[in-house]
């Protein structure tokens, strides 16, 4: 009986801790109505969080149909987040990227495939050595069609791996552009230790998995 009560107490403790991780402010973000970003000059925008934005920016930059990728912050409740603030884990934001792409060349569904192929989909609150809520995986949807695509692909991957997929699914609200020195970081700092040991190997693993979606100069 004591063992049962102890197990129950531990279960309740972890349940309470899990519930406590989502503040009222964060829950409001999760429950919000998505904001749809209109096409501009025929180009669409999509938003993803998957660990360090230096890595994710370089991955999406290598995909055919992607014009530009911008590093920033999204998914939280704090206005004007900065890198230092984000690193406290108290803004609700994750490091994210804005992917500007031509929907006539690459579909949103393919961008989601790129997302899952370029990460460890079961790692919670981080990717590789980067750990914390600011590095958690989030896929943002702007309408019901995108939400359905995300949920179907996430469910299929969970069955394939027989594991829980860590990526959260959020309605897109706002993207905050990161400081200038973060933009194009992998391309501009190829000899940086983190870039050589983490970012480039991650990029190459993705490129080996999905060679058909790469720009000609990314092979």
Protein backbone atom coordinates (compact mmCIF):
# COMPACT_ATOMS: atom_id res chain seq x y z
CA UNK A 1 0.00 0.00 0.00
CA UNK A 2 2.85 2.33 0.92
CA UNK A 3 4.47 1.64 -2.47
CA UNK A 4 1.20 2.44 -4.25
CA UNK A 5 0.78 5.69 -2.31
CA UNK A 6 4.40 6.66 -3.00
CA UNK A 7 3.96 5.98 -6.71
CA UNK A 8 0.73 7.97 -6.74
CA UNK A 9 2.40 10.89 -4.95
CA UNK A 10 5.28 10.90 -7.44
CA UNK A 11 2.84 10.73 -10.36
CA UNK A 12 0.84 13.65 -9.00
CA UNK A 13 4.00 15.64 -8.36
CA UNK A 14 5.18 15.23 -11.94
CA UNK A 15 1.68 15.97 -13.23
CA UNK A 16 1.59 19.19 -11.23
CA UNK A 17 5.06 20.14 -12.40
CA UNK A 18 4.09 19.54 -16.02
CA UNK A 19 0.96 21.62 -15.62
CA UNK A 20 2.91 24.35 -13.84
CA UNK A 21 5.32 24.64 -16.77
CA UNK A 22 2.62 26.32 -18.85
CA UNK A 23 1.83 29.73 -17.35
CA UNK A 24 -1.40 31.61 -17.99
CA UNK A 25 0.45 33.88 -20.39
CA UNK A 26 1.84 30.91 -22.33
CA UNK A 27 -1.54 29.16 -22.42
CA UNK A 28 -3.05 32.31 -23.91
CA UNK A 29 -0.49 32.10 -26.73
CA UNK A 30 -1.31 28.42 -27.34
CA UNK A 31 -5.06 29.13 -27.37
CA UNK A 32 -4.88 32.22 -29.58
CA UNK A 33 -6.36 32.45 -33.06
CA UNK A 34 -3.60 32.12 -35.66
CA UNK A 35 -2.53 35.13 -37.67
CA UNK A 36 -2.14 34.52 -41.39
CA UNK A 37 0.72 36.33 -43.09
CA UNK A 38 -0.34 37.49 -46.58
CA UNK A 39 1.70 36.71 -49.67
CA UNK A 40 4.09 39.46 -50.68
CA UNK A 41 5.29 39.52 -54.29
CA UNK A 42 4.04 35.95 -54.57
CA UNK A 43 6.19 34.79 -51.64
CA UNK A 44 4.86 33.14 -48.48
CA UNK A 45 6.32 32.95 -44.96
CA UNK A 46 6.51 29.98 -42.58
CA UNK A 47 7.84 29.78 -39.03
CA UNK A 48 9.72 27.01 -37.23
CA UNK A 49 11.64 26.55 -33.97
CA UNK A 50 14.11 23.66 -33.68
CA UNK A 51 17.03 24.32 -31.38
CA UNK A 52 19.67 26.89 -32.29
CA UNK A 53 18.42 29.25 -35.00
CA UNK A 54 21.89 29.38 -36.58
CA UNK A 55 21.47 25.71 -37.50
CA UNK A 56 17.87 25.98 -38.68
CA UNK A 57 18.53 29.07 -40.79
CA UNK A 58 21.29 27.28 -42.71
CA UNK A 59 19.13 24.18 -43.24
CA UNK A 60 16.22 26.07 -44.80
CA UNK A 61 18.56 28.30 -46.81
CA UNK A 62 19.72 25.14 -48.63
CA UNK A 63 16.19 24.22 -49.80
CA UNK A 64 14.95 24.92 -53.35
CA UNK A 65 12.25 27.59 -53.43
CA UNK A 66 13.43 29.28 -50.25
CA UNK A 67 14.49 32.88 -50.89
CA UNK A 68 15.60 33.93 -47.44
CA UNK A 69 15.62 32.76 -43.83
CA UNK A 70 15.68 35.14 -40.87
CA UNK A 71 16.61 34.22 -37.30
CA UNK A 72 14.46 35.46 -34.45
CA UNK A 73 12.13 34.59 -31.60
CA UNK A 74 8.55 33.36 -31.48
CA UNK A 75 6.05 31.40 -29.43
CA UNK A 76 6.22 33.47 -26.26
CA UNK A 77 4.42 36.26 -24.47
CA UNK A 78 7.20 38.82 -23.96
CA UNK A 79 7.41 41.87 -26.22
CA UNK A 80 10.73 42.80 -27.82
CA UNK A 81 12.66 39.71 -26.69
CA UNK A 82 16.44 39.81 -26.92
CA UNK A 83 18.99 37.01 -27.08
CA UNK A 84 19.95 37.54 -23.43
CA UNK A 85 16.31 37.61 -22.31
CA UNK A 86 15.45 34.55 -24.38
CA UNK A 87 18.29 32.62 -22.77
CA UNK A 88 16.70 33.03 -19.34
CA UNK A 89 13.86 30.77 -20.51
CA UNK A 90 11.37 33.19 -18.96
CA UNK A 91 10.07 34.96 -22.10
CA UNK A 92 8.08 31.98 -23.38
CA UNK A 93 9.84 32.41 -26.74
CA UNK A 94 11.93 29.88 -28.59
CA UNK A 95 14.70 30.62 -31.05
CA UNK A 96 12.85 30.46 -34.38
CA UNK A 97 13.23 31.21 -38.06
CA UNK A 98 11.10 32.98 -40.63
CA UNK A 99 11.28 31.12 -43.95
CA UNK A 100 10.42 33.25 -47.00
CA UNK A 101 9.60 30.91 -49.87
CA UNK A 102 7.93 30.53 -53.25
CA UNK A 103 4.88 28.27 -52.78
CA UNK A 104 4.98 27.47 -56.51
CA UNK A 105 8.38 25.83 -56.01
CA UNK A 106 8.23 24.37 -52.50
CA UNK A 107 5.08 23.57 -50.52
CA UNK A 108 4.42 24.17 -46.85
CA UNK A 109 4.10 20.37 -46.50
CA UNK A 110 7.65 19.92 -47.83
CA UNK A 111 8.93 22.56 -45.41
CA UNK A 112 7.42 20.51 -42.58
CA UNK A 113 9.16 17.41 -43.95
CA UNK A 114 12.42 19.37 -43.93
CA UNK A 115 11.72 20.34 -40.33
CA UNK A 116 11.37 16.78 -39.08
CA UNK A 117 14.23 15.45 -41.24
CA UNK A 118 16.65 18.03 -39.86
CA UNK A 119 16.26 17.36 -36.13
CA UNK A 120 16.01 14.73 -33.44
CA UNK A 121 12.20 14.70 -33.31
CA UNK A 122 12.01 13.05 -29.89
CA UNK A 123 14.32 15.45 -28.00
CA UNK A 124 12.32 17.59 -25.58
CA UNK A 125 13.31 21.19 -24.85
CA UNK A 126 16.29 21.35 -27.15
CA UNK A 127 18.34 19.95 -30.01
CA UNK A 128 21.74 18.36 -29.53
CA UNK A 129 23.77 20.23 -26.92
CA UNK A 130 21.33 23.17 -26.78
CA UNK A 131 18.91 22.62 -23.92
CA UNK A 132 16.16 24.69 -22.37
CA UNK A 133 12.68 25.92 -23.27
CA UNK A 134 14.22 28.61 -25.50
CA UNK A 135 15.48 25.76 -27.72
CA UNK A 136 12.27 23.73 -27.78
CA UNK A 137 10.74 22.51 -31.02
CA UNK A 138 7.63 24.35 -32.27
CA UNK A 139 5.89 24.33 -35.64
CA UNK A 140 3.68 27.35 -36.22
CA UNK A 141 0.49 27.21 -38.28
CA UNK A 142 -1.33 30.16 -39.84
CA UNK A 143 -4.59 28.43 -40.79
CA UNK A 144 -6.48 25.15 -40.40
CA UNK A 145 -4.96 23.67 -43.56
CA UNK A 146 -1.43 24.11 -42.23
CA UNK A 147 -2.46 22.78 -38.82
CA UNK A 148 -3.86 19.63 -40.42
CA UNK A 149 -0.67 19.09 -42.45
CA UNK A 150 1.48 19.45 -39.33
CA UNK A 151 -0.65 17.17 -37.16
CA UNK A 152 -0.88 14.45 -39.83
CA UNK A 153 2.87 14.43 -40.41
CA UNK A 154 3.59 14.51 -36.68
CA UNK A 155 1.21 11.59 -36.10
CA UNK A 156 2.70 9.56 -38.97
CA UNK A 157 6.23 10.14 -37.66
CA UNK A 158 5.18 9.09 -34.14
CA UNK A 159 3.85 5.79 -35.56
CA UNK A 160 6.95 5.29 -37.69
CA UNK A 161 9.32 5.82 -34.75
CA UNK A 162 6.95 4.34 -32.15
CA UNK A 163 7.81 7.33 -29.99
CA UNK A 164 6.36 10.62 -28.82
CA UNK A 165 7.28 13.57 -31.03
CA UNK A 166 8.49 16.57 -29.05
CA UNK A 167 7.47 19.35 -31.45
CA UNK A 168 4.71 21.58 -30.12
CA UNK A 169 2.10 22.96 -32.52
CA UNK A 170 1.33 26.66 -32.01
CA UNK A 171 -0.86 29.21 -33.77
CA UNK A 172 1.43 31.80 -35.30
CA UNK A 173 1.18 35.18 -33.56
CA UNK A 174 4.30 37.27 -34.09
CA UNK A 175 7.91 36.86 -35.12
CA UNK A 176 10.56 39.04 -33.53
CA UNK A 177 13.71 39.47 -35.62
CA UNK A 178 16.92 38.63 -33.74
CA UNK A 179 19.92 40.90 -33.43
CA UNK A 180 21.90 41.56 -36.64
CA UNK A 181 24.90 39.50 -35.56
CA UNK A 182 22.78 36.33 -35.53
CA UNK A 183 21.74 36.61 -39.18
CA UNK A 184 23.53 34.29 -41.65
CA UNK A 185 25.74 33.25 -38.77
CA UNK A 186 26.76 29.85 -40.12
CA UNK A 187 27.71 31.25 -43.53
CA UNK A 188 29.64 34.20 -42.08
CA UNK A 189 31.45 32.24 -39.34
CA UNK A 190 32.39 28.85 -40.86
CA UNK A 191 35.39 28.45 -38.55
CA UNK A 192 33.47 29.06 -35.31
CA UNK A 193 33.79 26.00 -33.05
CA UNK A 194 30.04 25.56 -32.57
CA UNK A 195 29.40 25.96 -36.30
CA UNK A 196 32.07 23.38 -37.22
CA UNK A 197 31.11 20.86 -34.55
CA UNK A 198 27.32 21.23 -34.35
CA UNK A 199 25.74 23.31 -37.13
CA UNK A 200 27.58 21.98 -40.18
CA UNK A 201 27.26 18.29 -39.18
CA UNK A 202 23.53 18.83 -38.57
CA UNK A 203 23.17 20.49 -41.99
CA UNK A 204 25.02 17.66 -43.71
CA UNK A 205 22.89 14.99 -42.00
CA UNK A 206 19.76 16.71 -43.29
CA UNK A 207 21.15 17.13 -46.81
CA UNK A 208 21.96 13.41 -46.96
CA UNK A 209 18.35 12.59 -46.00
CA UNK A 210 16.59 14.89 -48.49
CA UNK A 211 18.93 15.51 -51.47
CA UNK A 212 16.00 16.02 -53.86
CA UNK A 213 14.88 19.26 -52.20
CA UNK A 214 18.27 20.97 -52.21
CA UNK A 215 19.34 23.93 -54.31
CA UNK A 216 21.90 22.98 -56.96
CA UNK A 217 24.70 24.73 -55.05
CA UNK A 218 23.81 22.99 -51.76
CA UNK A 219 24.76 19.43 -52.70
